[in-house]
Amino acid sequence: QIDRGRGSIQILQELLVAKRDQDLVVKVAETEWESVNQRLKEG
């Protein structure tokens, strides 16, 4: 009962939000890496 504080649907919704946020983090990291790679090529 202590563990069932949140329902499965709430946990799934939190995971979906976390996945969406992590997608944004990955996109930002990829963009940053492309920028760094370009700057490395430029010297």
PDB file of all heavy atoms in Angstrom:
ATOM      1  N   GLN A   1       0.820  -1.204   0.000  1.00  0.00           N
ATOM      2  CA  GLN A   1       0.000   0.000   0.000  1.00  0.00           C
ATOM      3  C   GLN A   1       0.858   1.259   0.000  1.00  0.00           C
ATOM      4  O   GLN A   1       0.481   2.260  -0.578  1.00  0.00           O
ATOM      5  CB  GLN A   1      -0.929  -0.006   1.211  1.00  0.00           C
ATOM      6  CG  GLN A   1      -1.977  -1.090   1.087  1.00  0.00           C
ATOM      7  CD  GLN A   1      -2.567  -1.470   2.426  1.00  0.00           C
ATOM      8  OE1 GLN A   1      -2.067  -1.063   3.453  1.00  0.00           O
ATOM      9  NE2 GLN A   1      -3.621  -2.258   2.395  1.00  0.00           N
ATOM     10  N   ILE A   2       2.020   1.194   0.639  1.00  0.00           N
ATOM     11  CA  ILE A   2       2.923   2.340   0.617  1.00  0.00           C
ATOM     12  C   ILE A   2       3.431   2.551  -0.798  1.00  0.00           C
ATOM     13  O   ILE A   2       3.522   3.677  -1.283  1.00  0.00           O
ATOM     14  CB  ILE A   2       4.099   2.108   1.594  1.00  0.00           C
ATOM     15  CG1 ILE A   2       3.598   2.117   3.036  1.00  0.00           C
ATOM     16  CG2 ILE A   2       5.175   3.174   1.410  1.00  0.00           C
ATOM     17  CD1 ILE A   2       4.639   1.670   4.043  1.00  0.00           C
ATOM     18  N   ASP A   3       3.723   1.457  -1.502  1.00  0.00           N
ATOM     19  CA  ASP A   3       4.239   1.540  -2.860  1.00  0.00           C
ATOM     20  C   ASP A   3       3.171   1.990  -3.849  1.00  0.00           C
ATOM     21  O   ASP A   3       3.481   2.573  -4.866  1.00  0.00           O
ATOM     22  CB  ASP A   3       4.805   0.184  -3.273  1.00  0.00           C
ATOM     23  CG  ASP A   3       5.524   0.244  -4.604  1.00  0.00           C
ATOM     24  OD1 ASP A   3       6.189   1.257  -4.857  1.00  0.00           O
ATOM     25  OD2 ASP A   3       5.412  -0.721  -5.378  1.00  0.00           O
ATOM     26  N   ARG A   4       1.930   1.744  -3.570  1.00  0.00           N
ATOM     27  CA  ARG A   4       0.855   2.072  -4.510  1.00  0.00           C
ATOM     28  C   ARG A   4       0.343   3.487  -4.317  1.00  0.00           C
ATOM     29  O   ARG A   4      -0.825   3.776  -4.548  1.00  0.00           O
ATOM     30  CB  ARG A   4      -0.298   1.096  -4.335  1.00  0.00           C
ATOM     31  CG  ARG A   4       0.061  -0.296  -4.778  1.00  0.00           C
ATOM     32  CD  ARG A   4      -1.116  -1.203  -4.679  1.00  0.00           C
ATOM     33  NE  ARG A   4      -0.703  -2.561  -5.000  1.00  0.00           N
ATOM     34  CZ  ARG A   4      -1.429  -3.613  -4.793  1.00  0.00           C
ATOM     35  NH1 ARG A   4      -2.618  -3.492  -4.265  1.00  0.00           N
ATOM     36  NH2 ARG A   4      -0.989  -4.805  -5.111  1.00  0.00           N
ATOM     37  N   GLY A   5       1.207   4.367  -3.910  1.00  0.00           N
ATOM     38  CA  GLY A   5       0.804   5.756  -3.734  1.00  0.00           C
ATOM     39  C   GLY A   5       0.336   6.378  -5.042  1.00  0.00           C
ATOM     40  O   GLY A   5      -0.552   7.202  -5.065  1.00  0.00           O
ATOM     41  N   ARG A   6       0.940   5.974  -6.124  1.00  0.00           N
ATOM     42  CA  ARG A   6       0.552   6.478  -7.441  1.00  0.00           C
ATOM     43  C   ARG A   6       0.097   5.306  -8.286  1.00  0.00           C
ATOM     44  O   ARG A   6       0.618   4.210  -8.181  1.00  0.00           O
ATOM     45  CB  ARG A   6       1.737   7.152  -8.116  1.00  0.00           C
ATOM     46  CG  ARG A   6       2.234   8.362  -7.379  1.00  0.00           C
ATOM     47  CD  ARG A   6       3.436   8.951  -8.047  1.00  0.00           C
ATOM     48  NE  ARG A   6       4.538   7.992  -7.936  1.00  0.00           N
ATOM     49  CZ  ARG A   6       5.612   7.995  -8.681  1.00  0.00           C
ATOM     50  NH1 ARG A   6       5.757   8.906  -9.600  1.00  0.00           N
ATOM     51  NH2 ARG A   6       6.556   7.107  -8.532  1.00  0.00           N
ATOM     52  N   GLY A   7      -0.841   5.562  -9.139  1.00  0.00           N
ATOM     53  CA  GLY A   7      -1.337   4.520 -10.021  1.00  0.00           C
ATOM     54  C   GLY A   7      -0.420   4.313 -11.206  1.00  0.00           C
ATOM     55  O   GLY A   7       0.461   5.115 -11.498  1.00  0.00           O
ATOM     56  N   SER A   8      -0.675   3.231 -11.924  1.00  0.00           N
ATOM     57  CA  SER A   8       0.147   2.903 -13.087  1.00  0.00           C
ATOM     58  C   SER A   8       0.034   3.968 -14.165  1.00  0.00           C
ATOM     59  O   SER A   8       1.015   4.276 -14.846  1.00  0.00           O
ATOM     60  CB  SER A   8      -0.275   1.552 -13.654  1.00  0.00           C
ATOM     61  OG  SER A   8      -0.097   0.546 -12.701  1.00  0.00           O
ATOM     62  N   ILE A   9      -1.139   4.518 -14.322  1.00  0.00           N
ATOM     63  CA  ILE A   9      -1.328   5.527 -15.368  1.00  0.00           C
ATOM     64  C   ILE A   9      -0.549   6.791 -15.036  1.00  0.00           C
ATOM     65  O   ILE A   9       0.065   7.389 -15.924  1.00  0.00           O
ATOM     66  CB  ILE A   9      -2.830   5.822 -15.528  1.00  0.00           C
ATOM     67  CG1 ILE A   9      -3.503   4.542 -15.919  1.00  0.00           C
ATOM     68  CG2 ILE A   9      -3.068   6.981 -16.453  1.00  0.00           C
ATOM     69  CD1 ILE A   9      -4.713   4.553 -16.704  1.00  0.00           C
ATOM     70  N   GLN A  10      -0.525   7.155 -13.755  1.00  0.00           N
ATOM     71  CA  GLN A  10       0.246   8.338 -13.372  1.00  0.00           C
ATOM     72  C   GLN A  10       1.737   8.114 -13.604  1.00  0.00           C
ATOM     73  O   GLN A  10       2.435   9.003 -14.088  1.00  0.00           O
ATOM     74  CB  GLN A  10      -0.001   8.683 -11.908  1.00  0.00           C
ATOM     75  CG  GLN A  10      -1.391   9.199 -11.627  1.00  0.00           C
ATOM     76  CD  GLN A  10      -1.633   9.339 -10.136  1.00  0.00           C
ATOM     77  OE1 GLN A  10      -1.051   8.621  -9.340  1.00  0.00           O
ATOM     78  NE2 GLN A  10      -2.491  10.283  -9.772  1.00  0.00           N
ATOM     79  N   ILE A  11       2.212   6.926 -13.281  1.00  0.00           N
ATOM     80  CA  ILE A  11       3.624   6.617 -13.495  1.00  0.00           C
ATOM     81  C   ILE A  11       3.948   6.632 -14.988  1.00  0.00           C
ATOM     82  O   ILE A  11       4.971   7.170 -15.406  1.00  0.00           O
ATOM     83  CB  ILE A  11       3.983   5.264 -12.861  1.00  0.00           C
ATOM     84  CG1 ILE A  11       3.856   5.345 -11.343  1.00  0.00           C
ATOM     85  CG2 ILE A  11       5.392   4.826 -13.254  1.00  0.00           C
ATOM     86  CD1 ILE A  11       4.003   4.021 -10.635  1.00  0.00           C
ATOM     87  N   LEU A  12       3.052   6.058 -15.804  1.00  0.00           N
ATOM     88  CA  LEU A  12       3.265   6.057 -17.246  1.00  0.00           C
ATOM     89  C   LEU A  12       3.278   7.478 -17.798  1.00  0.00           C
ATOM     90  O   LEU A  12       4.111   7.820 -18.636  1.00  0.00           O
ATOM     91  CB  LEU A  12       2.189   5.219 -17.944  1.00  0.00           C
ATOM     92  CG  LEU A  12       2.331   5.084 -19.454  1.00  0.00           C
ATOM     93  CD1 LEU A  12       3.652   4.402 -19.806  1.00  0.00           C
ATOM     94  CD2 LEU A  12       1.160   4.325 -20.038  1.00  0.00           C
ATOM     95  N   GLN A  13       2.370   8.322 -17.310  1.00  0.00           N
ATOM     96  CA  GLN A  13       2.360   9.715 -17.759  1.00  0.00           C
ATOM     97  C   GLN A  13       3.652  10.427 -17.374  1.00  0.00           C
ATOM     98  O   GLN A  13       4.218  11.185 -18.166  1.00  0.00           O
ATOM     99  CB  GLN A  13       1.155  10.446 -17.177  1.00  0.00           C
ATOM    100  CG  GLN A  13      -0.162  10.033 -17.791  1.00  0.00           C
ATOM    101  CD  GLN A  13      -1.359  10.644 -17.081  1.00  0.00           C
ATOM    102  OE1 GLN A  13      -1.241  11.153 -15.980  1.00  0.00           O
ATOM    103  NE2 GLN A  13      -2.513  10.575 -17.726  1.00  0.00           N
ATOM    104  N   GLU A  14       4.140  10.169 -16.159  1.00  0.00           N
ATOM    105  CA  GLU A  14       5.403  10.780 -15.744  1.00  0.00           C
ATOM    106  C   GLU A  14       6.558  10.286 -16.609  1.00  0.00           C
ATOM    107  O   GLU A  14       7.445  11.069 -16.967  1.00  0.00           O
ATOM    108  CB  GLU A  14       5.677  10.467 -14.275  1.00  0.00           C
ATOM    109  CG  GLU A  14       4.767  11.188 -13.318  1.00  0.00           C
ATOM    110  CD  GLU A  14       4.983  10.773 -11.877  1.00  0.00           C
ATOM    111  OE1 GLU A  14       5.928  10.002 -11.609  1.00  0.00           O
ATOM    112  OE2 GLU A  14       4.205  11.223 -11.019  1.00  0.00           O
ATOM    113  N   LEU A  15       6.537   9.000 -16.964  1.00  0.00           N
ATOM    114  CA  LEU A  15       7.578   8.472 -17.840  1.00  0.00           C
ATOM    115  C   LEU A  15       7.504   9.090 -19.236  1.00  0.00           C
ATOM    116  O   LEU A  15       8.539   9.380 -19.847  1.00  0.00           O
ATOM    117  CB  LEU A  15       7.474   6.953 -17.931  1.00  0.00           C
ATOM    118  CG  LEU A  15       7.982   6.165 -16.725  1.00  0.00           C
ATOM    119  CD1 LEU A  15       7.649   4.691 -16.892  1.00  0.00           C
ATOM    120  CD2 LEU A  15       9.462   6.364 -16.543  1.00  0.00           C
ATOM    121  N   LEU A  16       6.298   9.293 -19.738  1.00  0.00           N
ATOM    122  CA  LEU A  16       6.151   9.915 -21.062  1.00  0.00           C
ATOM    123  C   LEU A  16       6.668  11.356 -21.046  1.00  0.00           C
ATOM    124  O   LEU A  16       7.343  11.797 -21.993  1.00  0.00           O
ATOM    125  CB  LEU A  16       4.697   9.850 -21.517  1.00  0.00           C
ATOM    126  CG  LEU A  16       4.182   8.454 -21.882  1.00  0.00           C
ATOM    127  CD1 LEU A  16       2.673   8.484 -22.138  1.00  0.00           C
ATOM    128  CD2 LEU A  16       4.923   7.916 -23.087  1.00  0.00           C
ATOM    129  N   VAL A  17       6.373  12.075 -19.977  1.00  0.00           N
ATOM    130  CA  VAL A  17       6.878  13.452 -19.858  1.00  0.00           C
ATOM    131  C   VAL A  17       8.398  13.442 -19.752  1.00  0.00           C
ATOM    132  O   VAL A  17       9.088  14.249 -20.388  1.00  0.00           O
ATOM    133  CB  VAL A  17       6.230  14.158 -18.643  1.00  0.00           C
ATOM    134  CG1 VAL A  17       6.930  15.464 -18.331  1.00  0.00           C
ATOM    135  CG2 VAL A  17       4.752  14.393 -18.898  1.00  0.00           C
ATOM    136  N   ALA A  18       8.936  12.516 -18.967  1.00  0.00           N
ATOM    137  CA  ALA A  18      10.385  12.424 -18.818  1.00  0.00           C
ATOM    138  C   ALA A  18      11.044  12.061 -20.142  1.00  0.00           C
ATOM    139  O   ALA A  18      12.106  12.597 -20.483  1.00  0.00           O
ATOM    140  CB  ALA A  18      10.735  11.402 -17.742  1.00  0.00           C
ATOM    141  N   LYS A  19      10.417  11.172 -20.914  1.00  0.00           N
ATOM    142  CA  LYS A  19      10.961  10.793 -22.219  1.00  0.00           C
ATOM    143  C   LYS A  19      10.943  11.980 -23.169  1.00  0.00           C
ATOM    144  O   LYS A  19      11.912  12.228 -23.891  1.00  0.00           O
ATOM    145  CB  LYS A  19      10.176   9.636 -22.813  1.00  0.00           C
ATOM    146  CG  LYS A  19      10.700   9.178 -24.168  1.00  0.00           C
ATOM    147  CD  LYS A  19       9.803   8.136 -24.780  1.00  0.00           C
ATOM    148  CE  LYS A  19      10.222   7.799 -26.180  1.00  0.00           C
ATOM    149  NZ  LYS A  19       9.888   8.832 -27.146  1.00  0.00           N
ATOM    150  N   ARG A  20       9.853  12.722 -23.156  1.00  0.00           N
ATOM    151  CA  ARG A  20       9.764  13.904 -24.020  1.00  0.00           C
ATOM    152  C   ARG A  20      10.843  14.922 -23.651  1.00  0.00           C
ATOM    153  O   ARG A  20      11.518  15.473 -24.530  1.00  0.00           O
ATOM    154  CB  ARG A  20       8.379  14.542 -23.893  1.00  0.00           C
ATOM    155  CG  ARG A  20       8.168  15.704 -24.856  1.00  0.00           C
ATOM    156  CD  ARG A  20       6.899  16.450 -24.566  1.00  0.00           C
ATOM    157  NE  ARG A  20       7.089  17.127 -23.276  1.00  0.00           N
ATOM    158  CZ  ARG A  20       6.122  17.374 -22.409  1.00  0.00           C
ATOM    159  NH1 ARG A  20       4.900  16.990 -22.667  1.00  0.00           N
ATOM    160  NH2 ARG A  20       6.368  18.013 -21.286  1.00  0.00           N
ATOM    161  N   ASP A  21      11.028  15.137 -22.355  1.00  0.00           N
ATOM    162  CA  ASP A  21      12.061  16.071 -21.916  1.00  0.00           C
ATOM    163  C   ASP A  21      13.453  15.565 -22.284  1.00  0.00           C
ATOM    164  O   ASP A  21      14.319  16.347 -22.698  1.00  0.00           O
ATOM    165  CB  ASP A  21      11.977  16.287 -20.400  1.00  0.00           C
ATOM    166  CG  ASP A  21      10.709  17.026 -19.992  1.00  0.00           C
ATOM    167  OD1 ASP A  21      10.059  17.635 -20.869  1.00  0.00           O
ATOM    168  OD2 ASP A  21      10.379  16.994 -18.789  1.00  0.00           O
ATOM    169  N   GLN A  22      13.663  14.263 -22.160  1.00  0.00           N
ATOM    170  CA  GLN A  22      14.968  13.704 -22.495  1.00  0.00           C
ATOM    171  C   GLN A  22      15.212  13.773 -23.995  1.00  0.00           C
ATOM    172  O   GLN A  22      16.351  13.931 -24.427  1.00  0.00           O
ATOM    173  CB  GLN A  22      15.081  12.265 -21.985  1.00  0.00           C
ATOM    174  CG  GLN A  22      16.484  11.736 -21.965  1.00  0.00           C
ATOM    175  CD  GLN A  22      17.393  12.500 -21.022  1.00  0.00           C
ATOM    176  OE1 GLN A  22      16.956  13.012 -20.000  1.00  0.00           O
ATOM    177  NE2 GLN A  22      18.654  12.593 -21.374  1.00  0.00           N
ATOM    178  N   ASP A  23      14.147  13.664 -24.810  1.00  0.00           N
ATOM    179  CA  ASP A  23      14.292  13.863 -26.256  1.00  0.00           C
ATOM    180  C   ASP A  23      14.864  15.249 -26.540  1.00  0.00           C
ATOM    181  O   ASP A  23      15.757  15.407 -27.381  1.00  0.00           O
ATOM    182  CB  ASP A  23      12.941  13.722 -26.964  1.00  0.00           C
ATOM    183  CG  ASP A  23      12.581  12.287 -27.269  1.00  0.00           C
ATOM    184  OD1 ASP A  23      13.499  11.468 -27.420  1.00  0.00           O
ATOM    185  OD2 ASP A  23      11.373  11.988 -27.347  1.00  0.00           O
ATOM    186  N   LEU A  24      14.331  16.239 -25.833  1.00  0.00           N
ATOM    187  CA  LEU A  24      14.829  17.607 -26.014  1.00  0.00           C
ATOM    188  C   LEU A  24      16.289  17.723 -25.585  1.00  0.00           C
ATOM    189  O   LEU A  24      17.087  18.387 -26.249  1.00  0.00           O
ATOM    190  CB  LEU A  24      13.968  18.593 -25.224  1.00  0.00           C
ATOM    191  CG  LEU A  24      12.522  18.750 -25.690  1.00  0.00           C
ATOM    192  CD1 LEU A  24      11.737  19.624 -24.732  1.00  0.00           C
ATOM    193  CD2 LEU A  24      12.478  19.320 -27.091  1.00  0.00           C
ATOM    194  N   VAL A  25      16.641  17.057 -24.503  1.00  0.00           N
ATOM    195  CA  VAL A  25      18.030  17.098 -24.035  1.00  0.00           C
ATOM    196  C   VAL A  25      18.954  16.461 -25.069  1.00  0.00           C
ATOM    197  O   VAL A  25      20.037  16.975 -25.353  1.00  0.00           O
ATOM    198  CB  VAL A  25      18.160  16.391 -22.656  1.00  0.00           C
ATOM    199  CG1 VAL A  25      19.617  16.209 -22.271  1.00  0.00           C
ATOM    200  CG2 VAL A  25      17.416  17.161 -21.584  1.00  0.00           C
ATOM    201  N   VAL A  26      18.529  15.337 -25.652  1.00  0.00           N
ATOM    202  CA  VAL A  26      19.341  14.675 -26.678  1.00  0.00           C
ATOM    203  C   VAL A  26      19.498  15.582 -27.891  1.00  0.00           C
ATOM    204  O   VAL A  26      20.601  15.715 -28.442  1.00  0.00           O
ATOM    205  CB  VAL A  26      18.723  13.310 -27.073  1.00  0.00           C
ATOM    206  CG1 VAL A  26      19.373  12.752 -28.329  1.00  0.00           C
ATOM    207  CG2 VAL A  26      18.847  12.324 -25.927  1.00  0.00           C
ATOM    208  N   LYS A  27      18.419  16.230 -28.313  1.00  0.00           N
ATOM    209  CA  LYS A  27      18.507  17.136 -29.470  1.00  0.00           C
ATOM    210  C   LYS A  27      19.457  18.291 -29.196  1.00  0.00           C
ATOM    211  O   LYS A  27      20.264  18.671 -30.054  1.00  0.00           O
ATOM    212  CB  LYS A  27      17.119  17.654 -29.833  1.00  0.00           C
ATOM    213  CG  LYS A  27      16.251  16.604 -30.475  1.00  0.00           C
ATOM    214  CD  LYS A  27      14.870  17.131 -30.781  1.00  0.00           C
ATOM    215  CE  LYS A  27      13.991  16.011 -31.318  1.00  0.00           C
ATOM    216  NZ  LYS A  27      12.609  16.436 -31.544  1.00  0.00           N
ATOM    217  N   VAL A  28      19.394  18.835 -27.992  1.00  0.00           N
ATOM    218  CA  VAL A  28      20.301  19.928 -27.638  1.00  0.00           C
ATOM    219  C   VAL A  28      21.744  19.429 -27.599  1.00  0.00           C
ATOM    220  O   VAL A  28      22.659  20.104 -28.088  1.00  0.00           O
ATOM    221  CB  VAL A  28      19.895  20.553 -26.281  1.00  0.00           C
ATOM    222  CG1 VAL A  28      20.972  21.473 -25.750  1.00  0.00           C
ATOM    223  CG2 VAL A  28      18.582  21.301 -26.420  1.00  0.00           C
ATOM    224  N   ALA A  29      21.963  18.242 -27.052  1.00  0.00           N
ATOM    225  CA  ALA A  29      23.312  17.689 -27.002  1.00  0.00           C
ATOM    226  C   ALA A  29      23.850  17.408 -28.400  1.00  0.00           C
ATOM    227  O   ALA A  29      25.031  17.632 -28.678  1.00  0.00           O
ATOM    228  CB  ALA A  29      23.325  16.413 -26.157  1.00  0.00           C
ATOM    229  N   GLU A  30      22.981  16.915 -29.301  1.00  0.00           N
ATOM    230  CA  GLU A  30      23.411  16.676 -30.683  1.00  0.00           C
ATOM    231  C   GLU A  30      23.752  17.989 -31.380  1.00  0.00           C
ATOM    232  O   GLU A  30      24.745  18.082 -32.106  1.00  0.00           O
ATOM    233  CB  GLU A  30      22.325  15.930 -31.452  1.00  0.00           C
ATOM    234  CG  GLU A  30      22.196  14.473 -31.051  1.00  0.00           C
ATOM    235  CD  GLU A  30      20.989  13.796 -31.679  1.00  0.00           C
ATOM    236  OE1 GLU A  30      20.115  14.493 -32.236  1.00  0.00           O
ATOM    237  OE2 GLU A  30      20.915  12.553 -31.610  1.00  0.00           O
ATOM    238  N   THR A  31      22.930  18.997 -31.163  1.00  0.00           N
ATOM    239  CA  THR A  31      23.201  20.308 -31.755  1.00  0.00           C
ATOM    240  C   THR A  31      24.510  20.874 -31.224  1.00  0.00           C
ATOM    241  O   THR A  31      25.319  21.438 -31.975  1.00  0.00           O
ATOM    242  CB  THR A  31      22.042  21.276 -31.454  1.00  0.00           C
ATOM    243  OG1 THR A  31      20.821  20.699 -31.906  1.00  0.00           O
ATOM    244  CG2 THR A  31      22.248  22.618 -32.124  1.00  0.00           C
ATOM    245  N   GLU A  32      24.723  20.715 -29.919  1.00  0.00           N
ATOM    246  CA  GLU A  32      25.968  21.201 -29.325  1.00  0.00           C
ATOM    247  C   GLU A  32      27.167  20.447 -29.901  1.00  0.00           C
ATOM    248  O   GLU A  32      28.198  21.048 -30.196  1.00  0.00           O
ATOM    249  CB  GLU A  32      25.921  21.025 -27.809  1.00  0.00           C
ATOM    250  CG  GLU A  32      27.172  21.502 -27.107  1.00  0.00           C
ATOM    251  CD  GLU A  32      27.138  21.252 -25.613  1.00  0.00           C
ATOM    252  OE1 GLU A  32      26.126  20.763 -25.096  1.00  0.00           O
ATOM    253  OE2 GLU A  32      28.165  21.539 -24.967  1.00  0.00           O
ATOM    254  N   TRP A  33      27.022  19.124 -30.084  1.00  0.00           N
ATOM    255  CA  TRP A  33      28.130  18.356 -30.635  1.00  0.00           C
ATOM    256  C   TRP A  33      28.416  18.775 -32.075  1.00  0.00           C
ATOM    257  O   TRP A  33      29.570  18.883 -32.480  1.00  0.00           O
ATOM    258  CB  TRP A  33      27.842  16.867 -30.559  1.00  0.00           C
ATOM    259  CG  TRP A  33      28.867  16.068 -31.310  1.00  0.00           C
ATOM    260  CD1 TRP A  33      28.662  15.294 -32.389  1.00  0.00           C
ATOM    261  CD2 TRP A  33      30.267  16.009 -31.044  1.00  0.00           C
ATOM    262  NE1 TRP A  33      29.840  14.743 -32.815  1.00  0.00           N
ATOM    263  CE2 TRP A  33      30.860  15.170 -32.010  1.00  0.00           C
ATOM    264  CE3 TRP A  33      31.101  16.596 -30.097  1.00  0.00           C
ATOM    265  CZ2 TRP A  33      32.215  14.904 -32.044  1.00  0.00           C
ATOM    266  CZ3 TRP A  33      32.463  16.312 -30.139  1.00  0.00           C
ATOM    267  CH2 TRP A  33      33.002  15.484 -31.088  1.00  0.00           C
ATOM    268  N   GLU A  34      27.372  19.021 -32.860  1.00  0.00           N
ATOM    269  CA  GLU A  34      27.582  19.501 -34.239  1.00  0.00           C
ATOM    270  C   GLU A  34      28.313  20.836 -34.239  1.00  0.00           C
ATOM    271  O   GLU A  34      29.224  21.055 -35.047  1.00  0.00           O
ATOM    272  CB  GLU A  34      26.247  19.609 -34.967  1.00  0.00           C
ATOM    273  CG  GLU A  34      25.603  18.273 -35.282  1.00  0.00           C
ATOM    274  CD  GLU A  34      24.170  18.422 -35.798  1.00  0.00           C
ATOM    275  OE1 GLU A  34      23.712  19.569 -35.976  1.00  0.00           O
ATOM    276  OE2 GLU A  34      23.532  17.380 -36.009  1.00  0.00           O
ATOM    277  N   SER A  35      27.940  21.703 -33.322  1.00  0.00           N
ATOM    278  CA  SER A  35      28.605  23.001 -33.216  1.00  0.00           C
ATOM    279  C   SER A  35      30.063  22.837 -32.802  1.00  0.00           C
ATOM    280  O   SER A  35      30.960  23.483 -33.370  1.00  0.00           O
ATOM    281  CB  SER A  35      27.865  23.874 -32.203  1.00  0.00           C
ATOM    282  OG  SER A  35      28.591  25.037 -31.924  1.00  0.00           O
ATOM    283  N   VAL A  36      30.307  21.975 -31.846  1.00  0.00           N
ATOM    284  CA  VAL A  36      31.682  21.744 -31.394  1.00  0.00           C
ATOM    285  C   VAL A  36      32.502  21.103 -32.506  1.00  0.00           C
ATOM    286  O   VAL A  36      33.670  21.467 -32.724  1.00  0.00           O
ATOM    287  CB  VAL A  36      31.675  20.873 -30.118  1.00  0.00           C
ATOM    288  CG1 VAL A  36      33.063  20.335 -29.803  1.00  0.00           C
ATOM    289  CG2 VAL A  36      31.142  21.665 -28.943  1.00  0.00           C
ATOM    290  N   ASN A  37      31.910  20.165 -33.226  1.00  0.00           N
ATOM    291  CA  ASN A  37      32.603  19.508 -34.331  1.00  0.00           C
ATOM    292  C   ASN A  37      32.962  20.523 -35.417  1.00  0.00           C
ATOM    293  O   ASN A  37      34.059  20.488 -35.973  1.00  0.00           O
ATOM    294  CB  ASN A  37      31.736  18.382 -34.893  1.00  0.00           C
ATOM    295  CG  ASN A  37      32.517  17.429 -35.754  1.00  0.00           C
ATOM    296  OD1 ASN A  37      33.739  17.407 -35.709  1.00  0.00           O
ATOM    297  ND2 ASN A  37      31.813  16.640 -36.536  1.00  0.00           N
ATOM    298  N   GLN A  38      32.042  21.424 -35.701  1.00  0.00           N
ATOM    299  CA  GLN A  38      32.302  22.470 -36.698  1.00  0.00           C
ATOM    300  C   GLN A  38      33.438  23.380 -36.236  1.00  0.00           C
ATOM    301  O   GLN A  38      34.328  23.713 -37.013  1.00  0.00           O
ATOM    302  CB  GLN A  38      31.019  23.280 -36.950  1.00  0.00           C
ATOM    303  CG  GLN A  38      31.160  24.347 -38.001  1.00  0.00           C
ATOM    304  CD  GLN A  38      31.451  23.762 -39.379  1.00  0.00           C
ATOM    305  OE1 GLN A  38      31.017  22.665 -39.705  1.00  0.00           O
ATOM    306  NE2 GLN A  38      32.183  24.499 -40.170  1.00  0.00           N
ATOM    307  N   ARG A  39      33.395  23.753 -34.948  1.00  0.00           N
ATOM    308  CA  ARG A  39      34.453  24.617 -34.401  1.00  0.00           C
ATOM    309  C   ARG A  39      35.798  23.894 -34.382  1.00  0.00           C
ATOM    310  O   ARG A  39      36.842  24.507 -34.579  1.00  0.00           O
ATOM    311  CB  ARG A  39      34.085  25.088 -33.005  1.00  0.00           C
ATOM    312  CG  ARG A  39      32.947  26.095 -33.020  1.00  0.00           C
ATOM    313  CD  ARG A  39      32.532  26.540 -31.644  1.00  0.00           C
ATOM    314  NE  ARG A  39      33.646  27.150 -30.931  1.00  0.00           N
ATOM    315  CZ  ARG A  39      33.694  27.280 -29.616  1.00  0.00           C
ATOM    316  NH1 ARG A  39      32.700  26.831 -28.866  1.00  0.00           N
ATOM    317  NH2 ARG A  39      34.733  27.844 -29.032  1.00  0.00           N
ATOM    318  N   LEU A  40      35.766  22.561 -34.182  1.00  0.00           N
ATOM    319  CA  LEU A  40      37.002  21.783 -34.212  1.00  0.00           C
ATOM    320  C   LEU A  40      37.589  21.772 -35.617  1.00  0.00           C
ATOM    321  O   LEU A  40      38.806  21.907 -35.798  1.00  0.00           O
ATOM    322  CB  LEU A  40      36.727  20.354 -33.730  1.00  0.00           C
ATOM    323  CG  LEU A  40      37.923  19.416 -33.667  1.00  0.00           C
ATOM    324  CD1 LEU A  40      38.938  19.915 -32.635  1.00  0.00           C
ATOM    325  CD2 LEU A  40      37.480  18.005 -33.332  1.00  0.00           C
ATOM    326  N   LYS A  41      36.707  21.630 -36.628  1.00  0.00           N
ATOM    327  CA  LYS A  41      37.183  21.658 -38.019  1.00  0.00           C
ATOM    328  C   LYS A  41      37.752  23.019 -38.379  1.00  0.00           C
ATOM    329  O   LYS A  41      38.707  23.121 -39.143  1.00  0.00           O
ATOM    330  CB  LYS A  41      36.046  21.295 -38.964  1.00  0.00           C
ATOM    331  CG  LYS A  41      35.664  19.839 -38.905  1.00  0.00           C
ATOM    332  CD  LYS A  41      34.495  19.552 -39.831  1.00  0.00           C
ATOM    333  CE  LYS A  41      34.060  18.098 -39.711  1.00  0.00           C
ATOM    334  NZ  LYS A  41      32.872  17.817 -40.537  1.00  0.00           N
ATOM    335  N   GLU A  42      37.135  24.086 -37.808  1.00  0.00           N
ATOM    336  CA  GLU A  42      37.630  25.428 -38.086  1.00  0.00           C
ATOM    337  C   GLU A  42      38.928  25.712 -37.344  1.00  0.00           C
ATOM    338  O   GLU A  42      39.679  26.606 -37.723  1.00  0.00           O
ATOM    339  CB  GLU A  42      36.586  26.474 -37.663  1.00  0.00           C
ATOM    340  CG  GLU A  42      35.318  26.441 -38.483  1.00  0.00           C
ATOM    341  CD  GLU A  42      34.218  27.301 -37.884  1.00  0.00           C
ATOM    342  OE1 GLU A  42      34.426  27.863 -36.782  1.00  0.00           O
ATOM    343  OE2 GLU A  42      33.159  27.416 -38.510  1.00  0.00           O
ATOM    344  N   GLY A  43      39.173  24.968 -36.275  1.00  0.00           N
ATOM    345  CA  GLY A  43      40.388  25.175 -35.508  1.00  0.00           C
ATOM    346  C   GLY A  43      40.248  26.177 -34.391  1.00  0.00           C
ATOM    347  O   GLY A  43      41.249  26.638 -33.847  1.00  0.00           O
TER     348      GLY A  43
END
